[in-house]
């Protein structure tokens, strides 16, 4: 079963962890100095927050899949939709190693479709850049002009 992914950039990680712990009625399943994640079953969502110097607010949305074939299906649909997309194999981001497809909807909202393959000990290899999402680290890589 797929899971909705929401990643929010926050100003104050500790205050945000207190808020979302209260809202969800559970503690984060992952907690780092700059990041927290809740893997909720009701609603079925991978909800992550990070304090990494980005503008506070929704950073990106996504779909987390359990099988590589499901990621291939989503990527195929995105390619057919004619949106710009960027595929990343073995990406290191958000304390995980994943295969990903990034796209941007017509309103400019970035979407990350991904299959996680394991954990890593650092946030990842992304760089803080203005107008980029937490892991898609190029201003145009996830937009309509990206290579298909």
Foldseek 3Di string as FASTA:
>chain_A
DKAKEWEWEDADVVVVQVVVCVVLVHHFPDDDPFKTWHCDVVVRHTYMYGHDPADTDTQAMEMEDADPVVQVVVVVVVVVVLAAKDWDAQFQAQQFTWTWIWAADPVGGIYIYIYTDGGHDDRGDADDDYCHGRRRRDNPCHGRVHDD
